[in-house]
N, C-alpha and C. Protein backbone atom coordinates (compact mmCIF):
# COMPACT_ATOMS: atom_id res chain seq x y z
N UNK A 1 46.84 -191.24 14.68
CA UNK A 1 48.03 -191.43 15.27
C UNK A 1 48.03 -190.49 16.55
N UNK A 2 48.45 -191.02 17.74
CA UNK A 2 48.62 -190.31 18.94
C UNK A 2 50.16 -190.34 19.32
N UNK A 3 50.61 -189.20 19.61
CA UNK A 3 51.98 -189.15 20.02
C UNK A 3 52.00 -188.68 21.51
N UNK A 4 52.54 -189.41 22.36
CA UNK A 4 52.70 -189.08 23.84
C UNK A 4 54.20 -188.67 24.05
N UNK A 5 54.47 -187.57 24.69
CA UNK A 5 55.76 -187.18 25.02
C UNK A 5 55.87 -187.15 26.67
N UNK A 6 56.60 -187.88 27.22
CA UNK A 6 56.88 -187.95 28.64
C UNK A 6 58.11 -187.07 28.87
N UNK A 7 58.14 -186.30 29.78
CA UNK A 7 59.36 -185.49 30.16
C UNK A 7 60.54 -186.47 30.53
N UNK A 8 61.56 -186.39 29.78
CA UNK A 8 62.64 -187.29 29.94
C UNK A 8 63.39 -186.85 31.19
N UNK A 9 63.62 -187.79 32.04
CA UNK A 9 64.30 -187.54 33.31
C UNK A 9 65.89 -187.80 33.14
N UNK A 10 66.59 -186.83 33.43
CA UNK A 10 68.15 -187.03 33.35
C UNK A 10 68.46 -187.70 34.74
N UNK A 11 68.78 -188.83 34.78
CA UNK A 11 69.10 -189.60 35.94
C UNK A 11 70.52 -189.32 36.32
N UNK A 12 70.82 -189.06 37.58
CA UNK A 12 72.18 -188.85 38.07
C UNK A 12 72.48 -190.00 39.11
N UNK A 13 71.99 -191.16 38.86
CA UNK A 13 72.23 -192.30 39.77
C UNK A 13 73.66 -192.77 39.56
N UNK A 14 74.16 -193.43 40.53
CA UNK A 14 75.58 -193.97 40.48
C UNK A 14 75.82 -194.84 39.25
N UNK A 15 74.82 -195.72 38.82
CA UNK A 15 75.02 -196.38 37.65
C UNK A 15 75.32 -195.56 36.43
N UNK A 16 74.52 -194.58 36.27
CA UNK A 16 74.64 -193.60 35.15
C UNK A 16 75.91 -192.96 35.17
N UNK A 17 76.39 -192.45 36.33
CA UNK A 17 77.59 -191.75 36.51
C UNK A 17 78.84 -192.72 36.16
N UNK A 18 78.73 -193.82 36.66
CA UNK A 18 79.82 -194.94 36.41
C UNK A 18 79.76 -195.24 34.78
N UNK A 19 78.63 -195.37 34.24
CA UNK A 19 78.57 -195.68 32.84
C UNK A 19 79.19 -194.53 32.06
N UNK A 20 78.92 -193.20 32.45
CA UNK A 20 79.60 -192.18 31.71
C UNK A 20 81.10 -192.10 31.80
N UNK A 21 81.51 -192.47 33.07
CA UNK A 21 82.99 -192.47 33.28
C UNK A 21 83.59 -193.64 32.49
N UNK A 22 82.93 -194.83 32.45
CA UNK A 22 83.47 -195.95 31.75
C UNK A 22 83.60 -195.61 30.22
N UNK A 23 82.62 -194.80 29.73
CA UNK A 23 82.72 -194.41 28.31
C UNK A 23 83.84 -193.38 28.16
N UNK A 24 83.83 -192.36 29.05
CA UNK A 24 84.91 -191.38 28.93
C UNK A 24 86.47 -191.83 29.11
N UNK A 25 86.56 -193.05 29.71
CA UNK A 25 87.84 -193.61 29.83
C UNK A 25 88.51 -194.16 28.62
N UNK A 26 87.59 -194.13 27.50
CA UNK A 26 88.02 -194.71 26.21
C UNK A 26 88.67 -195.99 26.20
N UNK A 27 88.17 -196.90 27.03
CA UNK A 27 88.61 -198.20 27.00
C UNK A 27 88.08 -198.91 25.71
N UNK A 28 88.92 -199.76 25.00
CA UNK A 28 88.44 -200.38 23.78
C UNK A 28 87.08 -201.10 24.11
N UNK A 29 86.16 -200.93 23.16
CA UNK A 29 84.93 -201.46 23.32
C UNK A 29 84.95 -203.08 23.49
N UNK A 30 85.92 -203.69 22.82
CA UNK A 30 85.93 -205.11 22.82
C UNK A 30 86.27 -205.51 24.38
N UNK A 31 87.12 -204.60 25.12
CA UNK A 31 87.36 -205.06 26.60
C UNK A 31 86.13 -204.83 27.40
N UNK A 32 85.41 -203.93 27.17
CA UNK A 32 84.11 -203.61 27.85
C UNK A 32 83.09 -204.82 27.62
N UNK A 33 83.08 -205.26 26.35
CA UNK A 33 82.22 -206.31 25.97
C UNK A 33 82.63 -207.72 26.56
N UNK A 34 83.98 -207.90 26.52
CA UNK A 34 84.48 -209.06 27.19
C UNK A 34 84.17 -209.16 28.64
N UNK A 35 84.42 -208.03 29.44
CA UNK A 35 84.05 -207.89 30.78
C UNK A 35 82.60 -208.30 30.99
N UNK A 36 81.71 -207.63 30.19
CA UNK A 36 80.26 -207.82 30.31
C UNK A 36 79.96 -209.35 30.12
N UNK A 37 80.60 -209.98 29.15
CA UNK A 37 80.31 -211.37 28.89
C UNK A 37 80.81 -212.22 29.96
N UNK A 38 81.96 -211.99 30.57
CA UNK A 38 82.53 -212.67 31.74
C UNK A 38 81.56 -212.66 32.89
N UNK A 39 81.03 -211.48 33.20
CA UNK A 39 80.17 -211.25 34.37
C UNK A 39 78.85 -212.02 34.18
N UNK A 40 78.37 -212.02 32.72
CA UNK A 40 77.17 -212.64 32.47
C UNK A 40 77.30 -214.15 32.54
N UNK A 41 78.41 -214.67 32.02
CA UNK A 41 78.51 -216.17 31.88
C UNK A 41 78.96 -216.81 33.25
N UNK A 42 79.56 -216.06 34.16
CA UNK A 42 79.91 -216.50 35.46
C UNK A 42 79.23 -215.69 36.59
N UNK A 43 78.13 -216.13 36.81
CA UNK A 43 77.25 -215.39 37.90
C UNK A 43 77.88 -215.49 39.32
N UNK A 44 78.76 -216.47 39.52
CA UNK A 44 79.39 -216.61 40.76
C UNK A 44 80.43 -215.41 41.00
N UNK A 45 80.81 -214.84 39.98
CA UNK A 45 81.84 -213.69 40.24
C UNK A 45 81.00 -212.45 40.79
N UNK A 46 79.88 -212.29 40.33
CA UNK A 46 78.91 -211.17 40.92
C UNK A 46 78.71 -211.39 42.36
N UNK A 47 78.48 -212.68 42.64
CA UNK A 47 78.12 -212.98 44.03
C UNK A 47 79.25 -212.81 44.82
N UNK A 48 80.54 -213.15 44.30
CA UNK A 48 81.68 -212.88 45.14
C UNK A 48 81.95 -211.50 45.43
N UNK A 49 81.76 -210.64 44.36
CA UNK A 49 82.05 -209.12 44.49
C UNK A 49 80.99 -208.55 45.37
N UNK A 50 79.77 -209.04 45.57
CA UNK A 50 78.71 -208.40 46.47
C UNK A 50 78.74 -209.01 47.92
N UNK A 51 79.53 -210.10 47.99
CA UNK A 51 79.48 -210.64 49.28
C UNK A 51 80.37 -209.86 50.40
N UNK A 52 79.69 -209.32 51.27
CA UNK A 52 80.49 -208.47 52.23
C UNK A 52 81.48 -209.30 53.24
N UNK A 53 81.33 -210.57 53.16
CA UNK A 53 82.18 -211.44 53.92
C UNK A 53 83.45 -211.73 53.25
N UNK A 54 83.55 -211.38 52.00
CA UNK A 54 84.81 -211.66 51.24
C UNK A 54 85.71 -210.40 51.29
N UNK A 55 86.93 -210.56 51.61
CA UNK A 55 87.92 -209.54 51.85
C UNK A 55 88.13 -208.75 50.41
N UNK A 56 88.24 -207.43 50.67
CA UNK A 56 88.41 -206.59 49.30
C UNK A 56 89.73 -207.09 48.70
N UNK A 57 90.74 -207.45 49.39
CA UNK A 57 92.02 -207.85 48.75
C UNK A 57 91.76 -209.12 47.98
N UNK A 58 90.97 -209.98 48.28
CA UNK A 58 90.62 -211.13 47.49
C UNK A 58 89.89 -210.81 46.19
N UNK A 59 88.99 -209.81 46.41
CA UNK A 59 88.06 -209.53 45.24
C UNK A 59 89.00 -208.75 44.20
N UNK A 60 89.87 -207.99 44.67
CA UNK A 60 90.88 -207.26 43.78
C UNK A 60 91.70 -208.29 43.05
N UNK A 61 92.30 -209.34 43.80
CA UNK A 61 92.99 -210.30 43.13
C UNK A 61 92.24 -211.08 42.08
N UNK A 62 90.97 -211.31 42.28
CA UNK A 62 90.25 -212.00 41.16
C UNK A 62 90.00 -211.11 39.99
N UNK A 63 89.82 -209.89 40.26
CA UNK A 63 89.70 -208.90 39.06
C UNK A 63 90.90 -209.04 38.31
N UNK A 64 92.13 -208.94 39.03
CA UNK A 64 93.41 -209.02 38.21
C UNK A 64 93.64 -210.36 37.48
N UNK A 65 93.05 -211.42 37.95
CA UNK A 65 93.31 -212.79 37.26
C UNK A 65 92.25 -212.97 36.11
N UNK A 66 90.99 -212.35 36.24
CA UNK A 66 89.99 -212.76 35.36
C UNK A 66 89.61 -211.80 34.19
N UNK A 67 89.87 -210.52 34.40
CA UNK A 67 89.32 -209.48 33.50
C UNK A 67 90.45 -208.85 32.63
N UNK A 68 89.97 -208.28 31.53
CA UNK A 68 90.98 -207.63 30.59
C UNK A 68 91.67 -206.55 31.34
N UNK A 69 92.94 -206.32 30.97
CA UNK A 69 93.83 -205.50 31.72
C UNK A 69 93.38 -204.08 31.83
N UNK A 70 92.84 -203.59 30.59
CA UNK A 70 92.30 -202.17 30.63
C UNK A 70 90.99 -201.92 31.30
N UNK A 71 90.34 -202.88 31.87
CA UNK A 71 89.05 -202.83 32.66
C UNK A 71 89.34 -202.95 34.14
N UNK A 72 90.45 -203.46 34.50
CA UNK A 72 90.72 -203.66 35.91
C UNK A 72 90.66 -202.50 36.83
N UNK A 73 91.24 -201.37 36.54
CA UNK A 73 91.17 -200.18 37.39
C UNK A 73 89.68 -199.85 37.69
N UNK A 74 88.95 -199.75 36.53
CA UNK A 74 87.50 -199.40 36.62
C UNK A 74 86.81 -200.39 37.50
N UNK A 75 86.97 -201.61 37.30
CA UNK A 75 86.32 -202.69 38.10
C UNK A 75 86.71 -202.62 39.66
N UNK A 76 87.95 -202.40 39.86
CA UNK A 76 88.49 -202.30 41.20
C UNK A 76 87.83 -201.10 41.92
N UNK A 77 87.68 -200.05 41.25
CA UNK A 77 87.01 -198.83 41.83
C UNK A 77 85.54 -199.14 42.10
N UNK A 78 84.83 -199.74 41.12
CA UNK A 78 83.46 -200.15 41.37
C UNK A 78 83.39 -201.08 42.62
N UNK A 79 84.31 -202.01 42.68
CA UNK A 79 84.34 -202.98 43.91
C UNK A 79 84.59 -202.23 45.18
N UNK A 80 85.55 -201.32 45.16
CA UNK A 80 85.87 -200.57 46.42
C UNK A 80 84.64 -199.77 46.88
N UNK A 81 83.86 -199.14 46.00
CA UNK A 81 82.79 -198.38 46.40
C UNK A 81 81.51 -199.13 46.33
N UNK A 82 81.54 -200.48 46.27
CA UNK A 82 80.46 -201.28 46.39
C UNK A 82 79.38 -201.12 45.33
N UNK A 83 79.81 -200.91 44.01
CA UNK A 83 78.93 -200.74 43.04
C UNK A 83 78.92 -201.90 42.02
N UNK A 84 79.37 -203.05 42.36
CA UNK A 84 79.43 -204.12 41.46
C UNK A 84 77.95 -204.66 41.26
N UNK A 85 77.07 -204.39 42.04
CA UNK A 85 75.68 -204.84 41.84
C UNK A 85 75.07 -204.02 40.79
N UNK A 86 75.65 -202.92 40.40
CA UNK A 86 75.03 -201.96 39.36
C UNK A 86 75.66 -202.30 37.89
N UNK A 87 76.43 -203.31 37.80
CA UNK A 87 77.13 -203.49 36.50
C UNK A 87 76.27 -203.50 35.37
N UNK A 88 75.10 -204.16 35.27
CA UNK A 88 74.26 -204.26 34.26
C UNK A 88 73.84 -202.90 33.90
N UNK A 89 73.32 -202.15 34.85
CA UNK A 89 72.96 -200.68 34.65
C UNK A 89 74.19 -199.80 34.11
N UNK A 90 75.33 -200.11 34.69
CA UNK A 90 76.50 -199.36 34.21
C UNK A 90 76.72 -199.58 32.77
N UNK A 91 76.66 -200.87 32.29
CA UNK A 91 76.83 -201.16 30.96
C UNK A 91 75.75 -200.56 30.11
N UNK A 92 74.53 -200.60 30.53
CA UNK A 92 73.47 -199.95 29.82
C UNK A 92 73.72 -198.43 29.68
N UNK A 93 74.27 -197.70 30.60
CA UNK A 93 74.47 -196.34 30.62
C UNK A 93 75.61 -196.06 29.58
N UNK A 94 76.53 -197.01 29.65
CA UNK A 94 77.83 -196.93 28.80
C UNK A 94 77.31 -196.98 27.32
N UNK A 95 76.26 -197.99 27.02
CA UNK A 95 75.80 -198.20 25.70
C UNK A 95 75.11 -196.92 25.22
N UNK A 96 74.34 -196.34 26.18
CA UNK A 96 73.65 -195.00 25.86
C UNK A 96 74.61 -193.95 25.46
N UNK A 97 75.69 -193.92 25.98
CA UNK A 97 76.75 -192.89 25.75
C UNK A 97 77.30 -193.10 24.41
N UNK A 98 77.55 -194.26 24.13
CA UNK A 98 78.16 -194.79 22.83
C UNK A 98 77.14 -194.46 21.72
N UNK A 99 75.88 -194.88 21.92
CA UNK A 99 74.85 -194.50 20.79
C UNK A 99 74.75 -192.93 20.73
N UNK A 100 74.79 -192.21 21.73
CA UNK A 100 74.77 -190.74 21.67
C UNK A 100 75.90 -190.21 20.76
N UNK A 101 77.05 -190.67 21.11
CA UNK A 101 78.16 -190.20 20.33
C UNK A 101 78.13 -190.59 18.90
N UNK A 102 77.79 -191.81 18.69
CA UNK A 102 77.58 -192.28 17.32
C UNK A 102 76.24 -191.90 16.63
N UNK A 103 75.53 -191.12 17.37
CA UNK A 103 74.25 -190.63 16.79
C UNK A 103 73.30 -191.89 16.30
N UNK A 104 73.27 -192.83 17.21
CA UNK A 104 72.48 -193.98 16.89
C UNK A 104 71.13 -193.95 17.84
N UNK A 105 69.92 -194.06 17.33
CA UNK A 105 68.71 -194.02 17.93
C UNK A 105 68.19 -195.43 18.09
N UNK A 106 67.77 -195.87 19.22
CA UNK A 106 67.17 -197.19 19.39
C UNK A 106 65.70 -196.99 19.63
N UNK A 107 64.98 -197.79 18.94
CA UNK A 107 63.52 -197.70 19.02
C UNK A 107 62.90 -199.13 19.20
N UNK A 108 61.66 -199.17 19.66
CA UNK A 108 61.03 -200.39 19.83
C UNK A 108 59.61 -200.31 19.05
N UNK A 109 59.49 -201.27 18.15
CA UNK A 109 58.31 -201.38 17.25
C UNK A 109 57.42 -202.46 17.65
N UNK A 110 56.31 -202.41 18.35
CA UNK A 110 55.55 -203.45 18.74
C UNK A 110 54.33 -203.55 17.69
N UNK A 111 54.14 -204.86 17.25
CA UNK A 111 53.33 -205.11 16.21
C UNK A 111 52.73 -206.39 16.21
N UNK A 112 51.77 -206.76 15.37
CA UNK A 112 51.22 -208.08 15.30
C UNK A 112 51.81 -208.84 14.22
N UNK A 113 52.25 -208.15 13.22
CA UNK A 113 53.00 -208.77 11.96
C UNK A 113 54.27 -208.15 11.76
N UNK A 114 55.40 -208.78 11.46
CA UNK A 114 56.63 -208.06 11.12
C UNK A 114 56.44 -207.10 9.85
N UNK A 115 56.99 -205.98 10.09
CA UNK A 115 56.95 -205.05 9.00
C UNK A 115 57.82 -205.41 7.78
N UNK A 116 57.36 -205.07 6.53
CA UNK A 116 58.13 -205.44 5.37
C UNK A 116 59.46 -204.58 5.34
N UNK A 117 60.38 -205.02 4.62
CA UNK A 117 61.72 -204.35 4.57
C UNK A 117 61.48 -202.91 4.14
N UNK A 118 60.57 -202.56 3.27
CA UNK A 118 60.34 -201.22 2.79
C UNK A 118 59.73 -200.49 3.97
N UNK A 119 58.87 -200.97 4.64
CA UNK A 119 58.06 -200.38 5.89
C UNK A 119 59.18 -200.08 6.96
N UNK A 120 59.97 -201.00 7.23
CA UNK A 120 60.99 -200.75 8.22
C UNK A 120 62.00 -199.72 7.86
N UNK A 121 62.36 -199.60 6.51
CA UNK A 121 63.29 -198.60 6.16
C UNK A 121 62.60 -197.23 6.19
N UNK A 122 61.26 -197.17 6.01
CA UNK A 122 60.59 -195.87 6.01
C UNK A 122 60.54 -195.40 7.53
N UNK A 123 60.26 -196.28 8.27
CA UNK A 123 60.27 -196.03 9.85
C UNK A 123 61.63 -195.57 10.29
N UNK A 124 62.70 -196.24 9.86
CA UNK A 124 64.11 -195.90 10.26
C UNK A 124 64.42 -194.45 9.68
N UNK A 125 64.00 -194.14 8.41
CA UNK A 125 64.14 -192.75 7.82
C UNK A 125 63.38 -191.72 8.53
N UNK A 126 62.15 -192.01 8.94
CA UNK A 126 61.45 -191.13 9.87
C UNK A 126 62.13 -190.74 11.11
N UNK A 127 62.58 -191.74 11.78
CA UNK A 127 63.28 -191.65 13.04
C UNK A 127 64.56 -190.93 12.98
N UNK A 128 65.32 -191.15 11.81
CA UNK A 128 66.56 -190.42 11.71
C UNK A 128 66.27 -188.85 11.44
N UNK A 129 65.29 -188.50 10.59
CA UNK A 129 64.86 -187.23 10.40
C UNK A 129 64.40 -186.54 11.71
N UNK A 130 63.35 -187.11 12.40
CA UNK A 130 62.81 -186.62 13.56
C UNK A 130 63.77 -186.33 14.73
N UNK A 131 64.70 -187.26 14.89
CA UNK A 131 65.66 -187.26 16.03
C UNK A 131 67.05 -186.82 15.65
N UNK A 132 67.28 -186.53 14.38
CA UNK A 132 68.60 -186.04 14.01
C UNK A 132 69.70 -187.17 14.09
N UNK A 133 69.31 -188.41 14.00
CA UNK A 133 70.18 -189.60 14.13
C UNK A 133 70.81 -189.91 12.80
N UNK A 134 71.95 -190.49 12.82
CA UNK A 134 72.63 -191.01 11.56
C UNK A 134 72.08 -192.46 11.35
N UNK A 135 71.66 -193.05 12.41
CA UNK A 135 71.16 -194.57 12.22
C UNK A 135 70.04 -194.73 13.33
N UNK A 136 69.13 -195.54 12.84
CA UNK A 136 68.03 -196.02 13.67
C UNK A 136 67.99 -197.40 13.80
N UNK A 137 68.08 -198.00 14.94
CA UNK A 137 68.10 -199.41 15.19
C UNK A 137 66.72 -199.79 15.87
N UNK A 138 65.93 -200.61 15.10
CA UNK A 138 64.56 -200.89 15.48
C UNK A 138 64.55 -202.32 16.09
N UNK A 139 64.10 -202.52 17.33
CA UNK A 139 63.83 -203.91 17.86
C UNK A 139 62.32 -204.03 17.65
N UNK A 140 62.05 -205.20 17.09
CA UNK A 140 60.65 -205.52 16.69
C UNK A 140 60.24 -206.52 17.73
N UNK A 141 59.05 -206.28 18.37
CA UNK A 141 58.33 -206.97 19.33
C UNK A 141 56.95 -207.38 18.92
N UNK A 142 56.36 -208.48 19.32
CA UNK A 142 55.05 -208.89 18.84
C UNK A 142 54.05 -208.85 20.02
N UNK A 143 52.86 -208.39 19.80
CA UNK A 143 51.92 -208.34 20.74
C UNK A 143 50.44 -208.47 20.10
N UNK A 144 49.86 -209.58 20.07
CA UNK A 144 48.55 -209.84 19.41
C UNK A 144 47.42 -209.06 20.00
N UNK A 145 47.62 -208.56 21.25
CA UNK A 145 46.61 -207.72 21.75
C UNK A 145 46.29 -206.38 21.09
N UNK A 146 47.38 -205.97 20.21
CA UNK A 146 47.20 -204.64 19.50
C UNK A 146 46.16 -204.79 18.42
N UNK A 147 45.83 -206.09 18.00
CA UNK A 147 44.74 -206.31 16.97
C UNK A 147 45.11 -205.79 15.63
N UNK A 148 46.21 -205.18 15.42
CA UNK A 148 46.63 -204.68 14.12
C UNK A 148 47.38 -203.38 14.30
N UNK A 149 48.01 -202.93 13.27
CA UNK A 149 48.74 -201.67 13.41
C UNK A 149 49.92 -201.80 14.22
N UNK A 150 50.44 -200.72 14.84
CA UNK A 150 51.77 -200.87 15.66
C UNK A 150 51.91 -199.69 16.68
N UNK A 151 52.72 -199.96 17.57
CA UNK A 151 53.22 -198.84 18.43
C UNK A 151 54.67 -198.62 18.28
N UNK A 152 55.18 -197.46 18.05
CA UNK A 152 56.53 -197.14 17.91
C UNK A 152 57.07 -196.25 19.20
N UNK A 153 58.05 -196.86 19.85
CA UNK A 153 58.51 -195.93 21.02
C UNK A 153 60.07 -195.71 20.59
N UNK A 154 60.35 -194.31 20.67
CA UNK A 154 61.65 -193.88 20.54
C UNK A 154 61.95 -192.80 21.72
N UNK A 155 62.97 -193.09 22.42
CA UNK A 155 63.23 -192.08 23.58
C UNK A 155 62.02 -192.17 24.43
N UNK A 156 61.62 -190.95 24.66
CA UNK A 156 60.47 -190.79 25.55
C UNK A 156 59.15 -190.59 24.77
N UNK A 157 59.20 -190.74 23.46
CA UNK A 157 58.03 -190.54 22.62
C UNK A 157 57.31 -191.91 22.29
N UNK A 158 56.00 -191.90 22.11
CA UNK A 158 55.34 -193.07 21.69
C UNK A 158 54.47 -192.63 20.72
N UNK A 159 54.36 -193.41 19.48
CA UNK A 159 53.37 -193.26 18.48
C UNK A 159 52.63 -194.41 18.38
N UNK A 160 51.25 -194.30 18.65
CA UNK A 160 50.35 -195.40 18.85
C UNK A 160 49.38 -195.39 17.50
N UNK A 161 49.79 -196.27 16.59
CA UNK A 161 48.95 -196.50 15.36
C UNK A 161 48.31 -197.88 15.49
N UNK A 162 48.09 -198.42 16.69
CA UNK A 162 47.45 -199.71 16.76
C UNK A 162 45.88 -199.64 16.86
N UNK A 163 45.27 -200.76 16.30
CA UNK A 163 43.88 -200.81 16.43
C UNK A 163 43.43 -200.72 17.78
N UNK A 164 44.07 -201.42 18.72
CA UNK A 164 43.57 -201.29 20.15
C UNK A 164 43.71 -199.99 20.67
N UNK A 165 44.74 -199.26 20.35
CA UNK A 165 44.92 -197.80 20.84
C UNK A 165 43.72 -196.99 20.18
N UNK A 166 43.38 -197.17 18.94
CA UNK A 166 42.32 -196.44 18.29
C UNK A 166 40.97 -196.69 19.01
N UNK A 167 40.72 -198.05 19.24
CA UNK A 167 39.44 -198.48 19.94
C UNK A 167 39.52 -197.76 21.29
N UNK A 168 40.50 -197.82 22.12
CA UNK A 168 40.58 -197.18 23.43
C UNK A 168 40.24 -195.85 23.38
N UNK A 169 40.90 -195.14 22.36
CA UNK A 169 40.64 -193.58 22.32
C UNK A 169 39.18 -193.26 21.85
N UNK A 170 38.63 -194.06 21.07
CA UNK A 170 37.20 -193.98 20.63
C UNK A 170 36.32 -194.17 21.82
N UNK A 171 36.66 -195.30 22.59
CA UNK A 171 35.89 -195.55 23.84
C UNK A 171 35.81 -194.38 24.75
N UNK A 172 36.94 -193.73 25.04
CA UNK A 172 37.21 -192.70 25.94
C UNK A 172 36.35 -191.44 25.36
N UNK A 173 36.40 -191.31 24.09
CA UNK A 173 35.75 -190.17 23.45
C UNK A 173 34.26 -190.28 23.69
N UNK A 174 33.70 -191.46 23.43
CA UNK A 174 32.30 -191.67 23.57
C UNK A 174 31.81 -191.56 24.99
N UNK A 175 32.78 -191.90 25.89
CA UNK A 175 32.31 -191.93 27.31
C UNK A 175 32.22 -190.49 27.81
N UNK A 176 32.72 -189.51 27.08
CA UNK A 176 32.74 -188.15 27.61
C UNK A 176 31.48 -187.34 27.04
């Protein structure tokens, strides 16, 4: 097994800042999700909000008519400061804040074959112990190029137990 740790970069981008503010506003999660759903299902709204030729007054009126009441002030602020193009990233930052508060760790398991229920439970238990999480949620992805085994990514850590990774490391070792 090889574990790689990359230095985690704390981003202070506008999207991260807005996501943290959205989380700290304590708006009900269902309102946040409804807003996210509306923006995703009606792409013309995003186009309208990002169009510089549409008057701000009209954009704010659309927000009042379309979105949940407890999200309107946040959206109007994002609109005024021309941050509506960052909404996907803002929602992602909001989700990271929620996960951190709820002590949920998200990980990605890349493999050639789905793990058994027992294997997945053992991986979840390992992640909870290692990262002090109350819950680990694992997204399973498939990649036949791994040739077997798996790669587990959690946070900035990567655990490579794949046959391809082992062969690559062996090839590098023999080359030296």
